[in-house]
Structure formats: structure tokens, C-alpha cells
Amino acid sequence: MGVLFSYVLLGLSLAAPIGPVNAAQLDRGIKYGFFHAWLVGVGAVLADGVYMLIVYLGLVSFINTPFIQMFLWLFGCFVLLYTGFESMLNAGKINLQNIRNREPAFKAFLSGFIMSITNPLTILFWLGIYGSVLAKTASTSTSSELILYSAAIFCGLLLWDITMATVSSGFRRILTSRLLGFISILSGLSLVGFGVYFGFQGIKLLLSSH
């Protein structure tokens, strides 16, 4: 049980560093409440699951080809810039009394999924962390135990998702519309910053391939 708990903690620590998904969750939670923030995280966790499967099946060499890497950086840049600017443009429209203009729930889910799946840092992250966990446990564990440990990591990711959704929707209840708008602008700027970084990395890879 203690070993399983340690893998849940590993999942929590993998999800905790502030990145594009956490910034997007904060933005959605402020604007639309718990459910939308949670769906962003669920989309991201599903993308993490895809990468875990890729590492598990040993398909990393395909993902690490320069063309795929460049595509992920540049497409990720587009998604982050679009989401960031949309967040800042709509910051002034946050109204605690009027939440009828909700975005479709599927859009929140898709936003989290695309943000995570197009992030090349995610695959490097999973290759480094999950890959080393696999290498370490594969020699001493059965395949069913490996699946159990992977599920524990996944539980940690989902736990962080619920935590972020709760915190961001909690902000909505205790802060004024003006303060919520200010936080939404900050999270939008954060997303744009990540987008610029992704774009820079993509262009650098493009230039080095010529």
C-alpha cells in the first residue's frame, strides 16, 4: 500500500509544476466554475495517458523525429497564443451574476487535451520520469504490477486536476469581478508567454533542419 501511495504522490508531483494547463484551468475556473476547469485537466490527463502508452509501448523514437517535434512546437504555439489572447480579451466580460454565456463543455476538454498533447516537453517529461520508473520496476515487477503502478500515477494526476479545479472555482466565489478579470489577464499572459517559447523552439528546430 505504501508503494502505491508513493506512485500517487509521483503523479501529483508530475502535475503540480505551473505550466500551460494549470494556467488554462485557473482561467476556466474563474470564468465558468469547477466543471470547466476540471474538464481542462481531464483532457490534459488523457493526453498524459497517451504519452504514457507511447513510452510503455516503446514508440518514443517516432515522437522524437525532428519533423514531429517541430510540428508539436509550432502547433502548440498556435494553441497557446490563441487561448491566451482569448483569455485576455474576455477578461473584462467576467460577470459573477451572469454566467449564461458558458462555453461548450467539450471545448474545455479539447483545450486541455490539445495543450498537453502538442507540448513536446510532456513527452520528454514522461520519457524521463515514467521511462525511468518503467525501467526500474520492470526488472522486479510483473506486468500487472506495472499497470497498477501506472494507474496509481494516473490517480495522482486526476487528484491534482480536482485540486486545481476546486482552487480556481473557489477564487470565483471569494473575489470581485475586477480582481477575477485581473487574474484572468495574468493567466492569459502566462499562456502567451508559453506560446512564444514554443514558437521560438519550433522556429529554431525549423532553421536547424535546413
C-alpha atoms as a PDB file:
ATOM      1  CA  MET A   1       0.000   0.000   0.000  1.00  0.00           C
ATOM      2  CA  GLY A   2       2.886   2.331   0.829  1.00  0.00           C
ATOM      3  CA  VAL A   3       4.427   1.685  -2.604  1.00  0.00           C
ATOM      4  CA  LEU A   4       1.131   2.506  -4.341  1.00  0.00           C
ATOM      5  CA  PHE A   5       0.824   5.722  -2.313  1.00  0.00           C
ATOM      6  CA  SER A   6       4.334   6.742  -3.400  1.00  0.00           C
ATOM      7  CA  TYR A   7       3.260   6.383  -7.062  1.00  0.00           C
ATOM      8  CA  VAL A   8       0.153   8.511  -6.406  1.00  0.00           C
ATOM      9  CA  LEU A   9       2.494  11.155  -4.922  1.00  0.00           C
ATOM     10  CA  LEU A  10       4.678  10.862  -8.040  1.00  0.00           C
ATOM     11  CA  GLY A  11       1.612  11.588 -10.193  1.00  0.00           C
ATOM     12  CA  LEU A  12       0.787  14.613  -8.024  1.00  0.00           C
ATOM     13  CA  SER A  13       4.339  15.962  -8.294  1.00  0.00           C
ATOM     14  CA  LEU A  14       4.350  15.467 -12.088  1.00  0.00           C
ATOM     15  CA  ALA A  15       1.157  17.516 -12.472  1.00  0.00           C
ATOM     16  CA  ALA A  16       1.982  20.245  -9.941  1.00  0.00           C
ATOM     17  CA  PRO A  17       4.588  22.405 -11.776  1.00  0.00           C
ATOM     18  CA  ILE A  18       2.896  25.509 -13.170  1.00  0.00           C
ATOM     19  CA  GLY A  19       2.505  25.162 -16.925  1.00  0.00           C
ATOM     20  CA  PRO A  20       0.039  25.996 -19.710  1.00  0.00           C
ATOM     21  CA  VAL A  21      -2.613  23.547 -18.460  1.00  0.00           C
ATOM     22  CA  ASN A  22      -2.609  24.910 -14.901  1.00  0.00           C
ATOM     23  CA  ALA A  23      -2.883  28.466 -16.268  1.00  0.00           C
ATOM     24  CA  ALA A  24      -5.797  27.413 -18.506  1.00  0.00           C
ATOM     25  CA  GLN A  25      -7.512  25.648 -15.577  1.00  0.00           C
ATOM     26  CA  LEU A  26      -7.226  28.781 -13.466  1.00  0.00           C
ATOM     27  CA  ASP A  27      -8.747  30.836 -16.287  1.00  0.00           C
ATOM     28  CA  ARG A  28     -11.651  28.405 -16.897  1.00  0.00           C
ATOM     29  CA  GLY A  29     -12.372  28.014 -13.183  1.00  0.00           C
ATOM     30  CA  ILE A  30     -12.612  31.775 -12.731  1.00  0.00           C
ATOM     31  CA  LYS A  31     -14.899  32.233 -15.738  1.00  0.00           C
ATOM     32  CA  TYR A  32     -17.067  29.140 -15.720  1.00  0.00           C
ATOM     33  CA  GLY A  33     -16.593  27.339 -12.396  1.00  0.00           C
ATOM     34  CA  PHE A  34     -15.385  23.933 -11.219  1.00  0.00           C
ATOM     35  CA  PHE A  35     -16.719  21.696 -14.009  1.00  0.00           C
ATOM     36  CA  HIS A  36     -14.999  23.517 -16.900  1.00  0.00           C
ATOM     37  CA  ALA A  37     -11.692  23.777 -15.012  1.00  0.00           C
ATOM     38  CA  TRP A  38     -11.922  20.071 -14.188  1.00  0.00           C
ATOM     39  CA  LEU A  39     -12.571  19.188 -17.863  1.00  0.00           C
ATOM     40  CA  VAL A  40      -9.434  21.074 -18.965  1.00  0.00           C
ATOM     41  CA  GLY A  41      -7.475  18.901 -16.536  1.00  0.00           C
ATOM     42  CA  VAL A  42      -9.223  15.705 -17.678  1.00  0.00           C
ATOM     43  CA  GLY A  43      -8.245  16.499 -21.282  1.00  0.00           C
ATOM     44  CA  ALA A  44      -4.637  17.043 -20.197  1.00  0.00           C
ATOM     45  CA  VAL A  45      -4.602  13.825 -18.148  1.00  0.00           C
ATOM     46  CA  LEU A  46      -5.917  11.898 -21.177  1.00  0.00           C
ATOM     47  CA  ALA A  47      -3.023  13.327 -23.236  1.00  0.00           C
ATOM     48  CA  ASP A  48      -0.641  12.260 -20.451  1.00  0.00           C
ATOM     49  CA  GLY A  49      -2.182   8.791 -20.723  1.00  0.00           C
ATOM     50  CA  VAL A  50      -1.466   8.727 -24.475  1.00  0.00           C
ATOM     51  CA  TYR A  51       2.184   9.594 -23.830  1.00  0.00           C
ATOM     52  CA  MET A  52       2.421   7.035 -21.017  1.00  0.00           C
ATOM     53  CA  LEU A  53       1.167   4.428 -23.508  1.00  0.00           C
ATOM     54  CA  ILE A  54       3.696   5.596 -26.124  1.00  0.00           C
ATOM     55  CA  VAL A  55       6.545   5.243 -23.613  1.00  0.00           C
ATOM     56  CA  TYR A  56       5.131   1.894 -22.413  1.00  0.00           C
ATOM     57  CA  LEU A  57       4.961   0.539 -25.985  1.00  0.00           C
ATOM     58  CA  GLY A  58       8.452   1.828 -26.807  1.00  0.00           C
ATOM     59  CA  LEU A  59       7.337   4.189 -29.614  1.00  0.00           C
ATOM     60  CA  VAL A  60       9.384   7.171 -28.399  1.00  0.00           C
ATOM     61  CA  SER A  61      11.745   7.162 -31.415  1.00  0.00           C
ATOM     62  CA  PHE A  62       8.807   8.128 -33.700  1.00  0.00           C
ATOM     63  CA  ILE A  63       7.805  11.071 -31.477  1.00  0.00           C
ATOM     64  CA  ASN A  64      11.421  12.230 -31.266  1.00  0.00           C
ATOM     65  CA  THR A  65      11.842  12.688 -35.048  1.00  0.00           C
ATOM     66  CA  PRO A  66      12.683  16.358 -35.900  1.00  0.00           C
ATOM     67  CA  PHE A  67       9.593  16.835 -38.113  1.00  0.00           C
ATOM     68  CA  ILE A  68       7.140  15.604 -35.426  1.00  0.00           C
ATOM     69  CA  GLN A  69       8.929  17.692 -32.769  1.00  0.00           C
ATOM     70  CA  MET A  70       8.770  20.812 -34.967  1.00  0.00           C
ATOM     71  CA  PHE A  71       5.067  20.241 -35.710  1.00  0.00           C
ATOM     72  CA  LEU A  72       4.289  19.844 -31.984  1.00  0.00           C
ATOM     73  CA  TRP A  73       6.198  23.014 -31.021  1.00  0.00           C
ATOM     74  CA  LEU A  74       4.560  25.166 -33.730  1.00  0.00           C
ATOM     75  CA  PHE A  75       1.025  23.790 -33.332  1.00  0.00           C
ATOM     76  CA  GLY A  76       1.373  24.109 -29.544  1.00  0.00           C
ATOM     77  CA  CYS A  77       2.472  27.725 -30.069  1.00  0.00           C
ATOM     78  CA  PHE A  78      -0.698  28.453 -32.078  1.00  0.00           C
ATOM     79  CA  VAL A  79      -2.999  26.820 -29.484  1.00  0.00           C
ATOM     80  CA  LEU A  80      -1.377  28.645 -26.553  1.00  0.00           C
ATOM     81  CA  LEU A  81      -1.347  32.069 -28.248  1.00  0.00           C
ATOM     82  CA  TYR A  82      -4.979  31.685 -29.311  1.00  0.00           C
ATOM     83  CA  THR A  83      -6.098  30.594 -25.825  1.00  0.00           C
ATOM     84  CA  GLY A  84      -4.008  33.278 -24.100  1.00  0.00           C
ATOM     85  CA  PHE A  85      -5.288  36.170 -26.216  1.00  0.00           C
ATOM     86  CA  GLU A  86      -8.871  34.880 -25.938  1.00  0.00           C
ATOM     87  CA  SER A  87      -8.470  34.811 -22.150  1.00  0.00           C
ATOM     88  CA  MET A  88      -7.209  38.413 -22.032  1.00  0.00           C
ATOM     89  CA  LEU A  89      -9.855  39.722 -24.454  1.00  0.00           C
ATOM     90  CA  ASN A  90     -12.665  38.157 -22.404  1.00  0.00           C
ATOM     91  CA  ALA A  91     -11.238  39.160 -19.006  1.00  0.00           C
ATOM     92  CA  GLY A  92     -13.340  42.320 -18.851  1.00  0.00           C
ATOM     93  CA  LYS A  93     -16.518  40.360 -19.552  1.00  0.00           C
ATOM     94  CA  ILE A  94     -16.420  38.250 -16.364  1.00  0.00           C
ATOM     95  CA  ASN A  95     -19.670  38.861 -14.547  1.00  0.00           C
ATOM     96  CA  LEU A  96     -20.387  36.875 -11.397  1.00  0.00           C
ATOM     97  CA  GLN A  97     -24.112  37.442 -11.702  1.00  0.00           C
ATOM     98  CA  ASN A  98     -24.371  36.353 -15.327  1.00  0.00           C
ATOM     99  CA  ILE A  99     -22.822  33.061 -16.354  1.00  0.00           C
ATOM    100  CA  ARG A 100     -25.273  32.177 -19.110  1.00  0.00           C
ATOM    101  CA  ASN A 101     -22.617  32.624 -21.796  1.00  0.00           C
ATOM    102  CA  ARG A 102     -20.869  29.378 -20.946  1.00  0.00           C
ATOM    103  CA  GLU A 103     -18.543  27.798 -23.444  1.00  0.00           C
ATOM    104  CA  PRO A 104     -19.396  24.219 -24.509  1.00  0.00           C
ATOM    105  CA  ALA A 105     -18.005  21.688 -22.024  1.00  0.00           C
ATOM    106  CA  PHE A 106     -16.320  19.783 -24.867  1.00  0.00           C
ATOM    107  CA  LYS A 107     -14.300  22.893 -25.785  1.00  0.00           C
ATOM    108  CA  ALA A 108     -12.778  22.996 -22.284  1.00  0.00           C
ATOM    109  CA  PHE A 109     -11.883  19.287 -22.500  1.00  0.00           C
ATOM    110  CA  LEU A 110     -10.414  19.664 -26.012  1.00  0.00           C
ATOM    111  CA  SER A 111      -8.410  22.715 -24.937  1.00  0.00           C
ATOM    112  CA  GLY A 112      -6.674  20.759 -22.152  1.00  0.00           C
ATOM    113  CA  PHE A 113      -6.074  17.741 -24.388  1.00  0.00           C
ATOM    114  CA  ILE A 114      -4.570  19.708 -27.304  1.00  0.00           C
ATOM    115  CA  MET A 115      -2.485  21.871 -24.972  1.00  0.00           C
ATOM    116  CA  SER A 116      -0.925  18.801 -23.389  1.00  0.00           C
ATOM    117  CA  ILE A 117      -0.634  16.548 -26.466  1.00  0.00           C
ATOM    118  CA  THR A 118       1.148  19.268 -28.501  1.00  0.00           C
ATOM    119  CA  ASN A 119       3.643  20.009 -25.734  1.00  0.00           C
ATOM    120  CA  PRO A 120       6.991  18.343 -26.610  1.00  0.00           C
ATOM    121  CA  LEU A 121       8.073  18.942 -23.010  1.00  0.00           C
ATOM    122  CA  THR A 122       5.349  16.473 -21.989  1.00  0.00           C
ATOM    123  CA  ILE A 123       6.918  13.587 -23.907  1.00  0.00           C
ATOM    124  CA  LEU A 124      10.395  14.486 -22.598  1.00  0.00           C
ATOM    125  CA  PHE A 125       8.887  14.608 -19.116  1.00  0.00           C
ATOM    126  CA  TRP A 126       7.213  11.231 -19.444  1.00  0.00           C
ATOM    127  CA  LEU A 127      10.238   9.692 -21.118  1.00  0.00           C
ATOM    128  CA  GLY A 128      12.481  10.890 -18.282  1.00  0.00           C
ATOM    129  CA  ILE A 129      10.185  10.161 -15.341  1.00  0.00           C
ATOM    130  CA  TYR A 130       7.843   7.391 -16.452  1.00  0.00           C
ATOM    131  CA  GLY A 131      10.542   5.776 -18.622  1.00  0.00           C
ATOM    132  CA  SER A 132      12.898   5.523 -15.667  1.00  0.00           C
ATOM    133  CA  VAL A 133      10.068   4.231 -13.417  1.00  0.00           C
ATOM    134  CA  LEU A 134       9.332   1.539 -16.020  1.00  0.00           C
ATOM    135  CA  ALA A 135      12.990   0.587 -16.290  1.00  0.00           C
ATOM    136  CA  LYS A 136      13.321   0.390 -12.503  1.00  0.00           C
ATOM    137  CA  THR A 137      10.134  -1.567 -11.794  1.00  0.00           C
ATOM    138  CA  ALA A 138      10.105  -3.816 -14.891  1.00  0.00           C
ATOM    139  CA  SER A 139      13.075  -5.769 -13.581  1.00  0.00           C
ATOM    140  CA  THR A 140      11.390  -6.531 -10.247  1.00  0.00           C
ATOM    141  CA  SER A 141       7.647  -6.433 -11.018  1.00  0.00           C
ATOM    142  CA  THR A 142       5.110  -8.347 -13.096  1.00  0.00           C
ATOM    143  CA  SER A 143       3.225  -6.646 -15.958  1.00  0.00           C
ATOM    144  CA  SER A 144       0.051  -6.495 -13.812  1.00  0.00           C
ATOM    145  CA  GLU A 145       2.016  -4.655 -11.094  1.00  0.00           C
ATOM    146  CA  LEU A 146       3.367  -2.227 -13.712  1.00  0.00           C
ATOM    147  CA  ILE A 147      -0.198  -1.490 -14.819  1.00  0.00           C
ATOM    148  CA  LEU A 148      -1.220  -0.993 -11.170  1.00  0.00           C
ATOM    149  CA  TYR A 149       1.679   1.435 -10.555  1.00  0.00           C
ATOM    150  CA  SER A 150       0.823   3.317 -13.774  1.00  0.00           C
ATOM    151  CA  ALA A 151      -2.801   3.567 -12.602  1.00  0.00           C
ATOM    152  CA  ALA A 152      -1.561   4.998  -9.261  1.00  0.00           C
ATOM    153  CA  ILE A 153       0.415   7.698 -11.145  1.00  0.00           C
ATOM    154  CA  PHE A 154      -2.757   8.423 -13.140  1.00  0.00           C
ATOM    155  CA  CYS A 155      -4.757   8.770  -9.888  1.00  0.00           C
ATOM    156  CA  GLY A 156      -2.212  11.350  -8.697  1.00  0.00           C
ATOM    157  CA  LEU A 157      -2.705  13.340 -11.922  1.00  0.00           C
ATOM    158  CA  LEU A 158      -6.500  13.275 -11.507  1.00  0.00           C
ATOM    159  CA  LEU A 159      -6.186  14.307  -7.847  1.00  0.00           C
ATOM    160  CA  TRP A 160      -4.188  17.381  -8.865  1.00  0.00           C
ATOM    161  CA  ASP A 161      -6.801  18.140 -11.536  1.00  0.00           C
ATOM    162  CA  ILE A 162      -9.583  18.152  -8.904  1.00  0.00           C
ATOM    163  CA  THR A 163      -7.422  20.305  -6.591  1.00  0.00           C
ATOM    164  CA  MET A 164      -6.762  22.921  -9.307  1.00  0.00           C
ATOM    165  CA  ALA A 165     -10.424  22.981 -10.352  1.00  0.00           C
ATOM    166  CA  THR A 166     -11.504  23.462  -6.713  1.00  0.00           C
ATOM    167  CA  VAL A 167      -8.975  26.255  -6.097  1.00  0.00           C
ATOM    168  CA  SER A 168      -9.779  28.143  -9.321  1.00  0.00           C
ATOM    169  CA  SER A 169     -13.565  27.900  -8.848  1.00  0.00           C
ATOM    170  CA  GLY A 170     -13.030  28.916  -5.201  1.00  0.00           C
ATOM    171  CA  PHE A 171     -11.388  32.141  -6.406  1.00  0.00           C
ATOM    172  CA  ARG A 172     -14.593  32.854  -8.291  1.00  0.00           C
ATOM    173  CA  ARG A 173     -16.628  32.737  -5.090  1.00  0.00           C
ATOM    174  CA  ILE A 174     -14.381  34.908  -2.896  1.00  0.00           C
ATOM    175  CA  LEU A 175     -13.049  37.574  -5.288  1.00  0.00           C
ATOM    176  CA  THR A 176     -14.664  40.552  -7.002  1.00  0.00           C
ATOM    177  CA  SER A 177     -15.304  40.704 -10.756  1.00  0.00           C
ATOM    178  CA  ARG A 178     -12.447  43.192 -11.204  1.00  0.00           C
ATOM    179  CA  LEU A 179      -9.928  41.003  -9.377  1.00  0.00           C
ATOM    180  CA  LEU A 180     -11.081  37.929 -11.289  1.00  0.00           C
ATOM    181  CA  GLY A 181     -10.569  39.841 -14.536  1.00  0.00           C
ATOM    182  CA  PHE A 182      -7.051  40.791 -13.430  1.00  0.00           C
ATOM    183  CA  ILE A 183      -6.196  37.138 -12.603  1.00  0.00           C
ATOM    184  CA  SER A 184      -7.651  36.088 -15.972  1.00  0.00           C
ATOM    185  CA  ILE A 185      -5.344  38.589 -17.728  1.00  0.00           C
ATOM    186  CA  LEU A 186      -2.349  37.213 -15.800  1.00  0.00           C
ATOM    187  CA  SER A 187      -3.196  33.624 -16.745  1.00  0.00           C
ATOM    188  CA  GLY A 188      -3.670  34.772 -20.364  1.00  0.00           C
ATOM    189  CA  LEU A 189      -0.247  36.450 -20.343  1.00  0.00           C
ATOM    190  CA  SER A 190       1.217  33.250 -18.923  1.00  0.00           C
ATOM    191  CA  LEU A 191      -0.287  31.236 -21.797  1.00  0.00           C
ATOM    192  CA  VAL A 192       1.017  33.747 -24.371  1.00  0.00           C
ATOM    193  CA  GLY A 193       4.473  33.530 -22.749  1.00  0.00           C
ATOM    194  CA  PHE A 194       4.443  29.737 -23.079  1.00  0.00           C
ATOM    195  CA  GLY A 195       3.215  30.130 -26.669  1.00  0.00           C
ATOM    196  CA  VAL A 196       6.106  32.467 -27.579  1.00  0.00           C
ATOM    197  CA  TYR A 197       8.573  29.981 -26.042  1.00  0.00           C
ATOM    198  CA  PHE A 198       7.009  27.102 -28.035  1.00  0.00           C
ATOM    199  CA  GLY A 199       7.151  29.167 -31.236  1.00  0.00           C
ATOM    200  CA  PHE A 200      10.805  30.073 -30.635  1.00  0.00           C
ATOM    201  CA  GLN A 201      11.701  26.400 -30.121  1.00  0.00           C
ATOM    202  CA  GLY A 202       9.782  25.375 -33.272  1.00  0.00           C
ATOM    203  CA  ILE A 203      11.450  28.036 -35.439  1.00  0.00           C
ATOM    204  CA  LYS A 204      14.867  27.103 -34.021  1.00  0.00           C
ATOM    205  CA  LEU A 205      14.231  23.460 -34.953  1.00  0.00           C
ATOM    206  CA  LEU A 206      12.999  24.502 -38.413  1.00  0.00           C
ATOM    207  CA  LEU A 207      16.120  26.596 -39.100  1.00  0.00           C
ATOM    208  CA  SER A 208      18.481  23.884 -37.825  1.00  0.00           C
ATOM    209  CA  SER A 209      16.905  21.308 -40.157  1.00  0.00           C
ATOM    210  CA  HIS A 210      17.877  23.329 -43.246  1.00  0.00           C
END
